[in-house]
Every structure is written in structure tokens, then in C-alpha cells.
PDB file of N, CA and C in Angstrom:
ATOM      1  N   MET A   1     218.878  95.681 -13.469  1.00  0.00           N
ATOM      2  CA  MET A   1     218.856  95.578 -14.958  1.00  0.00           C
ATOM      3  C   MET A   1     217.619  94.704 -15.124  1.00  0.00           C
ATOM      4  N   ALA A   2     217.576  94.356 -16.059  1.00  0.00           N
ATOM      5  CA  ALA A   2     216.160  92.884 -16.232  1.00  0.00           C
ATOM      6  C   ALA A   2     216.488  92.511 -17.372  1.00  0.00           C
ATOM      7  N   ALA A   3     216.471  90.862 -16.866  1.00  0.00           N
ATOM      8  CA  ALA A   3     217.587  89.640 -17.506  1.00  0.00           C
ATOM      9  C   ALA A   3     216.079  89.503 -18.552  1.00  0.00           C
ATOM     10  N   ASN A   4     216.771  88.892 -19.577  1.00  0.00           N
ATOM     11  CA  ASN A   4     215.685  88.385 -21.018  1.00  0.00           C
ATOM     12  C   ASN A   4     215.586  86.995 -20.386  1.00  0.00           C
ATOM     13  N   VAL A   5     213.827  86.561 -19.989  1.00  0.00           N
ATOM     14  CA  VAL A   5     213.783  85.569 -19.182  1.00  0.00           C
ATOM     15  C   VAL A   5     213.064  84.963 -20.936  1.00  0.00           C
ATOM     16  N   THR A   6     213.596  83.610 -20.924  1.00  0.00           N
ATOM     17  CA  THR A   6     212.953  82.812 -22.264  1.00  0.00           C
ATOM     18  C   THR A   6     211.928  81.536 -21.306  1.00  0.00           C
ATOM     19  N   PRO A   7     210.754  81.272 -21.612  1.00  0.00           N
ATOM     20  CA  PRO A   7     209.586  80.509 -21.339  1.00  0.00           C
ATOM     21  C   PRO A   7     210.892  79.364 -21.448  1.00  0.00           C
ATOM     22  N   VAL A   8     210.012  78.251 -20.456  1.00  0.00           N
ATOM     23  CA  VAL A   8     211.086  76.973 -20.454  1.00  0.00           C
ATOM     24  C   VAL A   8     210.116  76.236 -21.501  1.00  0.00           C
ATOM     25  N   THR A   9     210.912  75.290 -22.391  1.00  0.00           N
ATOM     26  CA  THR A   9     209.854  74.623 -22.915  1.00  0.00           C
ATOM     27  C   THR A   9     209.798  72.902 -22.521  1.00  0.00           C
ATOM     28  N   PRO A  10     208.821  72.318 -22.203  1.00  0.00           N
ATOM     29  CA  PRO A  10     209.105  70.707 -21.973  1.00  0.00           C
ATOM     30  C   PRO A  10     209.843  70.153 -22.951  1.00  0.00           C
ATOM     31  N   LEU A  11     210.664  68.777 -22.301  1.00  0.00           N
ATOM     32  CA  LEU A  11     211.716  67.902 -23.256  1.00  0.00           C
ATOM     33  C   LEU A  11     210.647  67.438 -24.185  1.00  0.00           C
ATOM     34  N   ILE A  12     209.388  66.732 -23.408  1.00  0.00           N
ATOM     35  CA  ILE A  12     208.661  66.034 -24.322  1.00  0.00           C
ATOM     36  C   ILE A  12     207.110  66.961 -24.419  1.00  0.00           C
ATOM     37  N   ASP A  13     206.818  66.530 -26.017  1.00  0.00           N
ATOM     38  CA  ASP A  13     205.898  66.939 -25.905  1.00  0.00           C
ATOM     39  C   ASP A  13     204.262  66.186 -26.131  1.00  0.00           C
ATOM     40  N   TRP A  14     203.863  65.826 -24.597  1.00  0.00           N
ATOM     41  CA  TRP A  14     202.928  64.855 -24.690  1.00  0.00           C
ATOM     42  C   TRP A  14     201.459  64.896 -25.627  1.00  0.00           C
ATOM     43  N   HIS A  15     201.228  65.807 -26.170  1.00  0.00           N
ATOM     44  CA  HIS A  15     199.853  65.971 -27.052  1.00  0.00           C
ATOM     45  C   HIS A  15     200.510  65.233 -28.390  1.00  0.00           C
ATOM     46  N   THR A  16     201.409  65.400 -28.714  1.00  0.00           N
ATOM     47  CA  THR A  16     202.267  65.090 -29.721  1.00  0.00           C
ATOM     48  C   THR A  16     202.326  63.251 -29.949  1.00  0.00           C
ATOM     49  N   LEU A  17     202.682  63.252 -28.393  1.00  0.00           N
ATOM     50  CA  LEU A  17     203.419  61.740 -28.614  1.00  0.00           C
ATOM     51  C   LEU A  17     202.370  60.637 -28.424  1.00  0.00           C
ATOM     52  N   LEU A  18     200.689  61.430 -27.337  1.00  0.00           N
ATOM     53  CA  LEU A  18     199.558  60.943 -27.577  1.00  0.00           C
ATOM     54  C   LEU A  18     198.642  60.450 -28.278  1.00  0.00           C
ATOM     55  N   GLN A  19     198.840  61.755 -29.344  1.00  0.00           N
ATOM     56  CA  GLN A  19     198.278  61.572 -30.982  1.00  0.00           C
ATOM     57  C   GLN A  19     199.144  60.367 -31.771  1.00  0.00           C
ATOM     58  N   VAL A  20     200.306  60.194 -31.479  1.00  0.00           N
ATOM     59  CA  VAL A  20     201.035  58.639 -32.668  1.00  0.00           C
ATOM     60  C   VAL A  20     200.597  58.027 -31.935  1.00  0.00           C
ATOM     61  N   LEU A  21     200.333  58.125 -30.349  1.00  0.00           N
ATOM     62  CA  LEU A  21     200.100  56.563 -30.202  1.00  0.00           C
ATOM     63  C   LEU A  21     198.699  56.165 -30.291  1.00  0.00           C
ATOM     64  N   TYR A  22     198.003  57.382 -30.266  1.00  0.00           N
ATOM     65  CA  TYR A  22     196.276  56.644 -30.559  1.00  0.00           C
ATOM     66  C   TYR A  22     196.287  56.230 -32.330  1.00  0.00           C
ATOM     67  N   ILE A  23     197.142  56.849 -32.835  1.00  0.00           N
ATOM     68  CA  ILE A  23     197.103  57.191 -34.507  1.00  0.00           C
ATOM     69  C   ILE A  23     197.746  55.512 -34.716  1.00  0.00           C
ATOM     70  N   SER A  24     198.886  55.587 -34.437  1.00  0.00           N
ATOM     71  CA  SER A  24     199.266  53.524 -34.825  1.00  0.00           C
ATOM     72  C   SER A  24     198.425  52.855 -34.181  1.00  0.00           C
ATOM     73  N   ALA A  25     197.583  53.056 -32.618  1.00  0.00           N
ATOM     74  CA  ALA A  25     196.978  52.006 -32.187  1.00  0.00           C
ATOM     75  C   ALA A  25     195.794  51.805 -33.112  1.00  0.00           C
ATOM     76  N   ALA A  26     195.188  52.766 -33.791  1.00  0.00           N
ATOM     77  CA  ALA A  26     194.006  52.818 -34.676  1.00  0.00           C
ATOM     78  C   ALA A  26     194.523  52.078 -36.006  1.00  0.00           C
ATOM     79  N   CYS A  27     195.810  52.467 -35.960  1.00  0.00           N
ATOM     80  CA  CYS A  27     196.193  51.632 -37.536  1.00  0.00           C
ATOM     81  C   CYS A  27     196.511  50.363 -37.283  1.00  0.00           C
ATOM     82  N   SER A  28     197.449  49.831 -36.438  1.00  0.00           N
ATOM     83  CA  SER A  28     197.527  48.694 -36.519  1.00  0.00           C
ATOM     84  C   SER A  28     195.980  47.891 -36.249  1.00  0.00           C
ATOM     85  N   ILE A  29     195.208  48.257 -35.311  1.00  0.00           N
ATOM     86  CA  ILE A  29     194.153  47.589 -34.957  1.00  0.00           C
ATOM     87  C   ILE A  29     193.462  47.445 -36.354  1.00  0.00           C
ATOM     88  N   GLY A  30     193.225  48.644 -36.686  1.00  0.00           N
ATOM     89  CA  GLY A  30     192.360  48.221 -38.148  1.00  0.00           C
ATOM     90  C   GLY A  30     192.886  47.372 -39.395  1.00  0.00           C
ATOM     91  N   LEU A  31     194.212  47.319 -39.622  1.00  0.00           N
ATOM     92  CA  LEU A  31     195.223  46.692 -39.980  1.00  0.00           C
ATOM     93  C   LEU A  31     194.893  45.095 -40.045  1.00  0.00           C
ATOM     94  N   VAL A  32     194.852  44.833 -38.581  1.00  0.00           N
ATOM     95  CA  VAL A  32     194.610  43.542 -38.520  1.00  0.00           C
ATOM     96  C   VAL A  32     192.923  42.927 -38.314  1.00  0.00           C
ATOM     97  N   LEU A  33     192.218  44.093 -38.159  1.00  0.00           N
ATOM     98  CA  LEU A  33     191.103  43.704 -38.381  1.00  0.00           C
ATOM     99  C   LEU A  33     190.378  43.272 -40.280  1.00  0.00           C
ATOM    100  N   LEU A  34     191.185  44.095 -40.887  1.00  0.00           N
ATOM    101  CA  LEU A  34     191.261  43.976 -42.525  1.00  0.00           C
ATOM    102  C   LEU A  34     191.415  43.071 -42.793  1.00  0.00           C
ATOM    103  N   PHE A  35     192.790  42.599 -42.430  1.00  0.00           N
ATOM    104  CA  PHE A  35     193.269  41.422 -42.708  1.00  0.00           C
ATOM    105  C   PHE A  35     192.711  39.851 -42.625  1.00  0.00           C
ATOM    106  N   THR A  36     191.910  39.899 -40.861  1.00  0.00           N
ATOM    107  CA  THR A  36     191.128  38.836 -40.575  1.00  0.00           C
ATOM    108  C   THR A  36     189.783  38.853 -41.534  1.00  0.00           C
ATOM    109  N   LEU A  37     189.226  40.082 -42.016  1.00  0.00           N
ATOM    110  CA  LEU A  37     188.382  40.307 -42.577  1.00  0.00           C
ATOM    111  C   LEU A  37     188.900  39.280 -44.036  1.00  0.00           C
ATOM    112  N   GLY A  38     189.533  40.208 -44.612  1.00  0.00           N
ATOM    113  CA  GLY A  38     189.762  39.363 -45.806  1.00  0.00           C
ATOM    114  C   GLY A  38     190.514  37.965 -46.307  1.00  0.00           C
ATOM    115  N   VAL A  39     190.668  37.257 -45.146  1.00  0.00           N
ATOM    116  CA  VAL A  39     191.649  36.083 -45.250  1.00  0.00           C
ATOM    117  C   VAL A  39     190.009  35.618 -45.034  1.00  0.00           C
ATOM    118  N   TYR A  40     188.973  35.653 -44.199  1.00  0.00           N
ATOM    119  CA  TYR A  40     187.967  34.873 -43.515  1.00  0.00           C
ATOM    120  C   TYR A  40     187.133  35.008 -44.983  1.00  0.00           C
ATOM    121  N   ALA A  41     186.939  35.670 -45.909  1.00  0.00           N
ATOM    122  CA  ALA A  41     186.321  35.935 -46.681  1.00  0.00           C
ATOM    123  C   ALA A  41     186.579  34.957 -48.240  1.00  0.00           C
ATOM    124  N   LEU A  42     187.988  35.541 -48.058  1.00  0.00           N
ATOM    125  CA  LEU A  42     188.713  34.613 -49.058  1.00  0.00           C
ATOM    126  C   LEU A  42     188.552  33.110 -48.969  1.00  0.00           C
ATOM    127  N   SER A  43     188.259  32.607 -47.380  1.00  0.00           N
ATOM    128  CA  SER A  43     188.252  31.151 -47.066  1.00  0.00           C
ATOM    129  C   SER A  43     186.912  30.707 -47.607  1.00  0.00           C
ATOM    130  N   SER A  44     185.929  31.698 -47.536  1.00  0.00           N
ATOM    131  CA  SER A  44     184.804  31.560 -48.116  1.00  0.00           C
ATOM    132  C   SER A  44     184.446  31.534 -49.179  1.00  0.00           C
ATOM    133  N   PHE A  45     185.056  32.541 -49.949  1.00  0.00           N
ATOM    134  CA  PHE A  45     185.410  32.411 -51.407  1.00  0.00           C
ATOM    135  C   PHE A  45     185.628  31.345 -52.297  1.00  0.00           C
ATOM    136  N   GLN A  46     186.387  30.746 -51.791  1.00  0.00           N
ATOM    137  CA  GLN A  46     187.094  29.380 -51.879  1.00  0.00           C
ATOM    138  C   GLN A  46     186.190  27.973 -52.144  1.00  0.00           C
ATOM    139  N   HIS A  47     184.679  28.149 -51.102  1.00  0.00           N
ATOM    140  CA  HIS A  47     184.281  26.839 -51.367  1.00  0.00           C
ATOM    141  C   HIS A  47     183.527  26.670 -52.082  1.00  0.00           C
ATOM    142  N   LYS A  48     183.551  25.663 -53.008  1.00  0.00           N
ATOM    143  CA  LYS A  48     183.081  25.813 -54.169  1.00  0.00           C
ATOM    144  C   LYS A  48     181.467  25.435 -54.155  1.00  0.00           C
ATOM    145  N   GLY A  49     180.974  24.707 -52.779  1.00  0.00           N
ATOM    146  CA  GLY A  49     179.552  24.251 -52.875  1.00  0.00           C
ATOM    147  C   GLY A  49     178.608  25.475 -52.363  1.00  0.00           C
ATOM    148  N   SER A  50     179.325  26.724 -52.130  1.00  0.00           N
ATOM    149  CA  SER A  50     178.181  27.618 -51.822  1.00  0.00           C
ATOM    150  C   SER A  50     177.382  28.452 -52.930  1.00  0.00           C
ATOM    151  N   ALA A  51     176.340  28.790 -52.347  1.00  0.00           N
ATOM    152  CA  ALA A  51     175.730  29.782 -53.725  1.00  0.00           C
ATOM    153  C   ALA A  51     176.693  30.879 -54.328  1.00  0.00           C
ATOM    154  N   VAL A  52     176.526  31.472 -55.507  1.00  0.00           N
ATOM    155  CA  VAL A  52     176.927  31.871 -55.954  1.00  0.00           C
ATOM    156  C   VAL A  52     177.331  33.606 -55.819  1.00  0.00           C
ATOM    157  N   LEU A  53     175.716  34.174 -55.084  1.00  0.00           N
ATOM    158  CA  LEU A  53     175.520  35.372 -54.418  1.00  0.00           C
ATOM    159  C   LEU A  53     176.699  35.178 -53.447  1.00  0.00           C
ATOM    160  N   TYR A  54     176.163  34.687 -52.053  1.00  0.00           N
ATOM    161  CA  TYR A  54     177.418  34.614 -51.322  1.00  0.00           C
ATOM    162  C   TYR A  54     179.002  34.518 -51.385  1.00  0.00           C
ATOM    163  N   ARG A  55     179.309  33.095 -52.809  1.00  0.00           N
ATOM    164  CA  ARG A  55     180.634  33.617 -53.117  1.00  0.00           C
ATOM    165  C   ARG A  55     181.365  35.357 -53.729  1.00  0.00           C
ATOM    166  N   GLY A  56     180.163  35.419 -54.270  1.00  0.00           N
ATOM    167  CA  GLY A  56     180.308  37.471 -55.430  1.00  0.00           C
ATOM    168  C   GLY A  56     180.294  38.201 -53.959  1.00  0.00           C
ATOM    169  N   VAL A  57     179.592  38.046 -52.691  1.00  0.00           N
ATOM    170  CA  VAL A  57     179.732  38.491 -51.649  1.00  0.00           C
ATOM    171  C   VAL A  57     181.085  38.580 -50.819  1.00  0.00           C
ATOM    172  N   ASN A  58     181.374  37.475 -50.693  1.00  0.00           N
ATOM    173  CA  ASN A  58     182.840  37.383 -50.584  1.00  0.00           C
ATOM    174  C   ASN A  58     183.994  38.035 -51.238  1.00  0.00           C
ATOM    175  N   GLY A  59     183.812  37.877 -52.864  1.00  0.00           N
ATOM    176  CA  GLY A  59     184.905  38.451 -53.614  1.00  0.00           C
ATOM    177  C   GLY A  59     185.082  39.720 -53.720  1.00  0.00           C
ATOM    178  N   VAL A  60     183.964  40.144 -53.585  1.00  0.00           N
ATOM    179  CA  VAL A  60     183.720  41.643 -52.899  1.00  0.00           C
ATOM    180  C   VAL A  60     184.448  42.068 -51.909  1.00  0.00           C
ATOM    181  N   ALA A  61     184.349  41.768 -50.828  1.00  0.00           N
ATOM    182  CA  ALA A  61     184.366  41.599 -49.105  1.00  0.00           C
ATOM    183  C   ALA A  61     185.952  41.390 -49.495  1.00  0.00           C
ATOM    184  N   VAL A  62     186.752  40.796 -50.008  1.00  0.00           N
ATOM    185  CA  VAL A  62     188.419  39.788 -50.222  1.00  0.00           C
ATOM    186  C   VAL A  62     189.267  41.574 -50.882  1.00  0.00           C
ATOM    187  N   ALA A  63     188.154  42.094 -52.409  1.00  0.00           N
ATOM    188  CA  ALA A  63     188.906  43.485 -52.888  1.00  0.00           C
ATOM    189  C   ALA A  63     188.549  44.386 -51.819  1.00  0.00           C
ATOM    190  N   LEU A  64     187.619  44.416 -51.043  1.00  0.00           N
ATOM    191  CA  LEU A  64     187.453  45.752 -50.258  1.00  0.00           C
ATOM    192  C   LEU A  64     188.408  45.988 -49.002  1.00  0.00           C
ATOM    193  N   ALA A  65     188.729  44.208 -48.747  1.00  0.00           N
ATOM    194  CA  ALA A  65     189.974  44.827 -47.297  1.00  0.00           C
ATOM    195  C   ALA A  65     191.843  45.045 -48.079  1.00  0.00           C
ATOM    196  N   ALA A  66     191.406  44.321 -49.169  1.00  0.00           N
ATOM    197  CA  ALA A  66     193.030  44.583 -49.637  1.00  0.00           C
ATOM    198  C   ALA A  66     193.117  45.886 -50.159  1.00  0.00           C
ATOM    199  N   ALA A  67     191.991  46.856 -50.824  1.00  0.00           N
ATOM    200  CA  ALA A  67     191.845  48.514 -50.802  1.00  0.00           C
ATOM    201  C   ALA A  67     192.266  48.840 -49.806  1.00  0.00           C
ATOM    202  N   GLY A  68     191.478  48.512 -48.544  1.00  0.00           N
ATOM    203  CA  GLY A  68     191.848  48.804 -47.440  1.00  0.00           C
ATOM    204  C   GLY A  68     193.209  49.006 -46.716  1.00  0.00           C
ATOM    205  N   ILE A  69     193.378  47.898 -47.160  1.00  0.00           N
ATOM    206  CA  ILE A  69     194.726  47.567 -46.794  1.00  0.00           C
ATOM    207  C   ILE A  69     195.886  48.606 -47.521  1.00  0.00           C
ATOM    208  N   LEU A  70     195.776  48.398 -48.161  1.00  0.00           N
ATOM    209  CA  LEU A  70     196.961  49.106 -49.170  1.00  0.00           C
ATOM    210  C   LEU A  70     196.715  50.398 -49.151  1.00  0.00           C
ATOM    211  N   ALA A  71     195.274  51.020 -48.689  1.00  0.00           N
ATOM    212  CA  ALA A  71     195.149  52.231 -48.784  1.00  0.00           C
ATOM    213  C   ALA A  71     195.810  53.056 -47.433  1.00  0.00           C
ATOM    214  N   THR A  72     195.571  52.214 -46.804  1.00  0.00           N
ATOM    215  CA  THR A  72     196.271  52.400 -44.938  1.00  0.00           C
ATOM    216  C   THR A  72     198.060  52.378 -45.069  1.00  0.00           C
ATOM    217  N   VAL A  73     198.460  51.360 -45.684  1.00  0.00           N
ATOM    218  CA  VAL A  73     200.144  51.568 -46.095  1.00  0.00           C
ATOM    219  C   VAL A  73     200.561  52.307 -47.011  1.00  0.00           C
ATOM    220  N   VAL A  74     199.812  52.628 -47.893  1.00  0.00           N
ATOM    221  CA  VAL A  74     200.066  53.905 -49.031  1.00  0.00           C
ATOM    222  C   VAL A  74     199.762  55.529 -47.645  1.00  0.00           C
ATOM    223  N   TRP A  75     198.667  55.500 -47.629  1.00  0.00           N
ATOM    224  CA  TRP A  75     198.853  56.828 -46.684  1.00  0.00           C
ATOM    225  C   TRP A  75     199.546  56.664 -45.044  1.00  0.00           C
ATOM    226  N   GLY A  76     200.393  55.728 -44.653  1.00  0.00           N
ATOM    227  CA  GLY A  76     201.746  55.972 -43.714  1.00  0.00           C
ATOM    228  C   GLY A  76     202.799  56.039 -44.396  1.00  0.00           C
ATOM    229  N   PHE A  77     202.821  55.772 -45.530  1.00  0.00           N
ATOM    230  CA  PHE A  77     204.396  56.282 -45.981  1.00  0.00           C
ATOM    231  C   PHE A  77     204.252  57.464 -46.785  1.00  0.00           C
ATOM    232  N   TYR A  78     202.816  58.209 -47.085  1.00  0.00           N
ATOM    233  CA  TYR A  78     202.803  59.499 -47.528  1.00  0.00           C
ATOM    234  C   TYR A  78     203.134  60.472 -46.367  1.00  0.00           C
ATOM    235  N   TYR A  79     201.882  60.058 -44.994  1.00  0.00           N
ATOM    236  CA  TYR A  79     202.433  60.501 -43.881  1.00  0.00           C
ATOM    237  C   TYR A  79     204.229  60.504 -43.250  1.00  0.00           C
ATOM    238  N   ILE A  80     204.509  59.681 -43.919  1.00  0.00           N
ATOM    239  CA  ILE A  80     206.137  59.687 -42.947  1.00  0.00           C
ATOM    240  C   ILE A  80     206.713  60.555 -44.026  1.00  0.00           C
ATOM    241  N   VAL A  81     206.812  60.334 -45.179  1.00  0.00           N
ATOM    242  CA  VAL A  81     207.467  60.792 -46.079  1.00  0.00           C
ATOM    243  C   VAL A  81     207.601  63.023 -45.840  1.00  0.00           C
ATOM    244  N   GLN A  82     205.968  63.215 -45.789  1.00  0.00           N
ATOM    245  CA  GLN A  82     205.530  64.367 -45.615  1.00  0.00           C
ATOM    246  C   GLN A  82     206.009  65.247 -44.535  1.00  0.00           C
ATOM    247  N   LYS A  83     206.812  64.421 -43.535  1.00  0.00           N
ATOM    248  CA  LYS A  83     207.000  64.837 -42.109  1.00  0.00           C
ATOM    249  C   LYS A  83     208.582  64.938 -42.634  1.00  0.00           C
TER     250      LYS A  83
END
């Protein structure tokens, strides 16, 4: 008699676990960098004695940092809901 042998599946899917680790680390570091850039640009933007062009560039940097943070948070919620 031949016994039906099913292949042994591992308890932990290491590939998926490492993928989650890499994505989490990249998002965490990216969010911290974006937040730091945004706070620095906002601080520089609020200096009244600086040149108009410098303040304008800092204003754009604040807007881009805020948009990047918002996009990352929305992407994270979308990814969680889809899983």
C-alpha cells in the first residue's frame, strides 16, 4: 500500500516575513526623513528676513513633504485593507 504523503509546509513563511520587515523599515525611515525635512523647511520658511526665493523653495518643500507623508499613510491603509 502506498501512503499519500503530503509535503511538509513550514510553520513560518520566512520570505514573506522578511518582505514585511524590509517594507516596514523602508516606510519608517522614509516617514522620519520626510517629517524631518518638513519641519526643517517649515522652520526656515517662517524666518521673515530671508529671501523670497528661499522662502518659496522651503514652502514647496513643506508641501511635498506633507504630500509624501499623506501618500505613505494612505498607501499603508489601502494595503492593510486589501489584505
